Amino acid sequence: MAQEPPANSTQIVLDNFEREELGKGWAVQTGEWKIQAGALQAKENPADHHSAAARYVVETSDAVYQLNFELSEGTKAFHFGFDPVPGELDKKGHLFSVIVTATGWKLMKHLDKNHPKEDPNEVLSEVSHPFEAGRVYTMRVTTWGPTVKATIEGSAPLTGSHPTFSVRKPTLVFRVVGDTVMIDDLSVWAASN
């Protein structure tokens, strides 16, 4: 479902995957990522012993991110999130993610891998909501300073805040646990100053 671009913003990413290869800006770490029928298809490879992970390089801070996704029957989880720009935080690991499963979704601040006991994973917002396999949903995530808001049509929104969220973010992080997730129509709008 298309949504209006946010006010006072400039579109810096528009990717509809109408090509054969992932191409410039994409980096695959683990799993199987391929373009098929005009969409990005991603799934975990059990031999990796890690969720399927890929990143798209684009630096953002205050921005709006939108994508379409579709879970399959074997999808355990789909993560869309961010890392901090190296050197901006005294932290090792991901910044935060929006995590979708068949039964709900949540906004999670990720642990500091160097100090997991002092700075553990923290669920900032969680909503129980069924996400049907084979149905396309539109997710929109807005980052504004330390605050994050995420919406998916038909569900209550997620909101959360943490001081670390206001740092610059060098990439978009995509992860898939289990079987195939389809991703399409990726857009990013940066706040105009």
Protein backbone atom coordinates (compact mmCIF):
# COMPACT_ATOMS: atom_id res chain seq x y z
CA MET A 1 0.00 0.00 0.00
CA ALA A 2 1.60 3.27 -1.11
CA GLN A 3 1.82 6.10 1.40
CA GLU A 4 2.47 9.78 0.88
CA PRO A 5 6.08 10.93 1.26
CA PRO A 6 6.69 12.76 4.53
CA ALA A 7 6.60 16.56 4.57
CA ASN A 8 9.89 18.51 4.62
CA SER A 9 11.94 15.59 3.35
CA THR A 10 14.10 14.54 0.42
CA GLN A 11 13.93 11.03 -1.03
CA ILE A 12 17.42 9.51 -0.96
CA VAL A 13 16.57 5.84 -1.71
CA LEU A 14 14.04 4.32 -4.08
CA ASP A 15 14.57 0.64 -4.90
CA ASN A 16 11.86 -1.43 -6.57
CA PHE A 17 14.23 -4.34 -7.41
CA GLU A 18 13.31 -4.30 -11.09
CA ARG A 19 16.63 -5.87 -12.12
CA GLU A 20 18.51 -9.18 -11.95
CA GLU A 21 21.33 -8.51 -9.43
CA LEU A 22 21.38 -6.77 -6.05
CA GLY A 23 23.96 -4.31 -7.31
CA LYS A 24 25.72 -1.30 -5.84
CA GLY A 25 25.09 -0.42 -2.21
CA TRP A 26 24.06 -3.91 -1.12
CA ALA A 27 26.31 -6.21 0.93
CA VAL A 28 25.30 -9.76 1.88
CA GLN A 29 26.83 -11.21 5.03
CA THR A 30 24.93 -14.51 5.44
CA GLY A 31 21.99 -16.37 3.96
CA GLU A 32 20.53 -16.43 0.47
CA TRP A 33 19.56 -13.08 -1.08
CA LYS A 34 18.35 -12.87 -4.67
CA ILE A 35 16.07 -10.80 -6.83
CA GLN A 36 13.15 -12.74 -8.22
CA ALA A 37 10.01 -11.46 -9.96
CA GLY A 38 10.83 -7.84 -9.13
CA ALA A 39 11.37 -8.32 -5.40
CA LEU A 40 14.22 -9.17 -3.03
CA GLN A 41 13.86 -12.71 -1.69
CA ALA A 42 15.85 -13.59 1.45
CA LYS A 43 16.12 -16.72 3.55
CA GLU A 44 18.36 -18.24 6.15
CA ASN A 45 20.97 -20.81 5.14
CA PRO A 46 21.18 -23.39 7.95
CA ALA A 47 24.87 -24.00 7.17
CA ASP A 48 25.65 -20.40 8.22
CA HIS A 49 24.41 -20.98 11.81
CA HIS A 50 23.27 -17.33 11.70
CA SER A 51 20.21 -15.42 10.54
CA ALA A 52 20.32 -14.30 6.91
CA ALA A 53 21.86 -10.80 7.02
CA ALA A 54 22.36 -8.07 4.44
CA ARG A 55 22.97 -4.33 4.56
CA TYR A 56 22.18 -1.44 2.28
CA VAL A 57 24.66 1.44 2.53
CA VAL A 58 23.05 4.83 3.07
CA GLU A 59 23.87 7.19 5.93
CA THR A 60 20.87 8.64 7.74
CA SER A 61 19.90 10.27 11.03
CA ASP A 62 16.40 11.83 11.11
CA ALA A 63 14.59 9.96 8.35
CA VAL A 64 11.59 7.93 7.24
CA TYR A 65 12.07 4.39 5.91
CA GLN A 66 9.38 2.44 4.10
CA LEU A 67 9.27 -1.04 2.58
CA ASN A 68 6.86 -3.77 1.63
CA PHE A 69 7.39 -7.24 3.06
CA GLU A 70 5.77 -10.64 2.85
CA LEU A 71 6.40 -13.52 5.23
CA SER A 72 6.23 -17.18 4.16
CA GLU A 73 4.89 -20.15 6.13
CA GLY A 74 8.42 -20.99 7.29
CA THR A 75 9.49 -17.47 8.32
CA LYS A 76 10.39 -17.28 12.01
CA ALA A 77 11.30 -13.57 12.07
CA PHE A 78 12.08 -10.56 9.86
CA HIS A 79 14.30 -7.79 11.27
CA PHE A 80 14.72 -4.28 9.87
CA GLY A 81 17.22 -2.20 11.80
CA PHE A 82 20.34 -0.13 12.12
CA ASP A 83 23.94 -0.01 13.30
CA PRO A 84 25.60 3.12 14.70
CA VAL A 85 28.26 4.92 12.64
CA PRO A 86 31.61 3.52 13.90
CA GLY A 87 33.09 5.69 16.63
CA GLU A 88 29.83 7.51 17.49
CA LEU A 89 29.04 5.22 20.43
CA ASP A 90 31.14 3.20 22.82
CA LYS A 91 29.18 0.12 21.77
CA LYS A 92 29.66 -3.07 19.79
CA GLY A 93 26.69 -4.45 17.87
CA HIS A 94 23.40 -3.35 16.37
CA LEU A 95 21.60 -0.19 17.47
CA PHE A 96 17.93 -1.27 17.24
CA SER A 97 15.54 -3.29 15.09
CA VAL A 98 11.88 -3.64 14.27
CA ILE A 99 11.21 -7.39 14.46
CA VAL A 100 8.15 -9.02 12.83
CA THR A 101 6.92 -12.57 13.42
CA ALA A 102 3.68 -14.34 12.48
CA THR A 103 2.12 -13.38 15.81
CA GLY A 104 3.32 -9.83 16.41
CA TRP A 105 6.07 -7.26 16.19
CA LYS A 106 8.37 -5.30 18.48
CA LEU A 107 10.94 -2.52 18.68
CA MET A 108 14.14 -3.76 20.32
CA LYS A 109 17.21 -1.87 21.48
CA HIS A 110 20.10 -4.28 21.00
CA LEU A 111 22.67 -5.16 23.60
CA ASP A 112 26.23 -3.89 23.71
CA LYS A 113 28.25 -7.01 22.89
CA ASN A 114 31.15 -5.63 24.93
CA HIS A 115 28.92 -5.12 28.01
CA PRO A 116 25.90 -7.45 27.64
CA LYS A 117 25.06 -7.57 31.38
CA GLU A 118 25.22 -3.79 31.85
CA ASP A 119 23.53 -2.97 28.51
CA PRO A 120 21.26 -5.91 27.51
CA ASN A 121 18.61 -6.25 24.81
CA GLU A 122 15.55 -4.19 25.72
CA VAL A 123 12.08 -4.43 24.17
CA LEU A 124 10.81 -0.83 24.04
CA SER A 125 7.44 -1.52 22.43
CA GLU A 126 5.56 -4.69 21.49
CA VAL A 127 2.22 -5.41 19.80
CA SER A 128 0.46 -8.75 19.36
CA HIS A 129 -0.90 -8.86 15.81
CA PRO A 130 -1.22 -11.70 13.28
CA PHE A 131 0.86 -11.29 10.12
CA GLU A 132 -0.41 -13.72 7.50
CA ALA A 133 2.01 -15.65 5.30
CA GLY A 134 1.65 -14.68 1.64
CA ARG A 135 0.19 -11.24 2.36
CA VAL A 136 2.09 -8.05 1.51
CA TYR A 137 2.40 -5.47 4.31
CA THR A 138 3.86 -1.96 4.26
CA MET A 139 6.15 -0.98 7.13
CA ARG A 140 7.10 2.64 7.81
CA VAL A 141 9.76 3.52 10.39
CA THR A 142 10.50 7.11 11.43
CA THR A 143 13.62 8.08 13.39
CA TRP A 144 13.64 11.54 14.94
CA GLY A 145 16.42 12.23 17.42
CA PRO A 146 16.20 9.52 20.11
CA THR A 147 12.63 8.52 19.15
CA VAL A 148 11.45 5.77 16.81
CA LYS A 149 7.91 5.20 15.54
CA ALA A 150 6.94 2.26 13.34
CA THR A 151 3.63 1.55 11.61
CA ILE A 152 2.15 -1.35 9.68
CA GLU A 153 -1.39 -0.95 8.37
CA GLY A 154 -3.98 -2.74 10.48
CA SER A 155 -1.82 -2.84 13.61
CA ALA A 156 -1.25 -0.52 16.53
CA PRO A 157 2.05 1.37 16.08
CA LEU A 158 5.32 0.80 17.89
CA THR A 159 7.03 3.71 19.62
CA GLY A 160 10.16 3.91 21.70
CA SER A 161 13.03 6.13 22.65
CA HIS A 162 16.65 5.68 23.73
CA PRO A 163 19.51 8.22 23.87
CA THR A 164 21.68 6.11 21.54
CA PHE A 165 19.12 6.20 18.70
CA SER A 166 19.97 9.78 17.71
CA VAL A 167 23.39 8.85 16.29
CA ARG A 168 24.10 8.65 12.56
CA LYS A 169 23.33 5.31 10.96
CA PRO A 170 25.58 4.10 8.08
CA THR A 171 23.43 1.25 6.76
CA LEU A 172 20.01 -0.34 6.74
CA VAL A 173 20.23 -3.82 8.28
CA PHE A 174 17.97 -6.64 7.07
CA ARG A 175 17.84 -10.04 8.76
CA VAL A 176 15.68 -13.11 8.19
CA VAL A 177 15.29 -16.09 10.52
CA GLY A 178 13.91 -19.20 8.85
CA ASP A 179 12.34 -19.40 5.40
CA THR A 180 11.79 -16.74 2.75
CA VAL A 181 10.83 -13.12 3.29
CA MET A 182 10.00 -10.94 0.28
CA ILE A 183 11.12 -7.29 0.43
CA ASP A 184 10.08 -4.69 -2.14
CA ASP A 185 9.63 -0.96 -2.79
CA LEU A 186 12.29 0.27 -0.37
CA SER A 187 12.21 4.04 0.12
CA VAL A 188 14.12 6.39 2.42
CA TRP A 189 13.38 10.07 2.94
CA ALA A 190 15.87 12.23 4.86
CA ALA A 191 14.58 15.18 6.86
CA SER A 192 15.26 18.44 5.05
CA ASN A 193 17.13 21.01 7.15
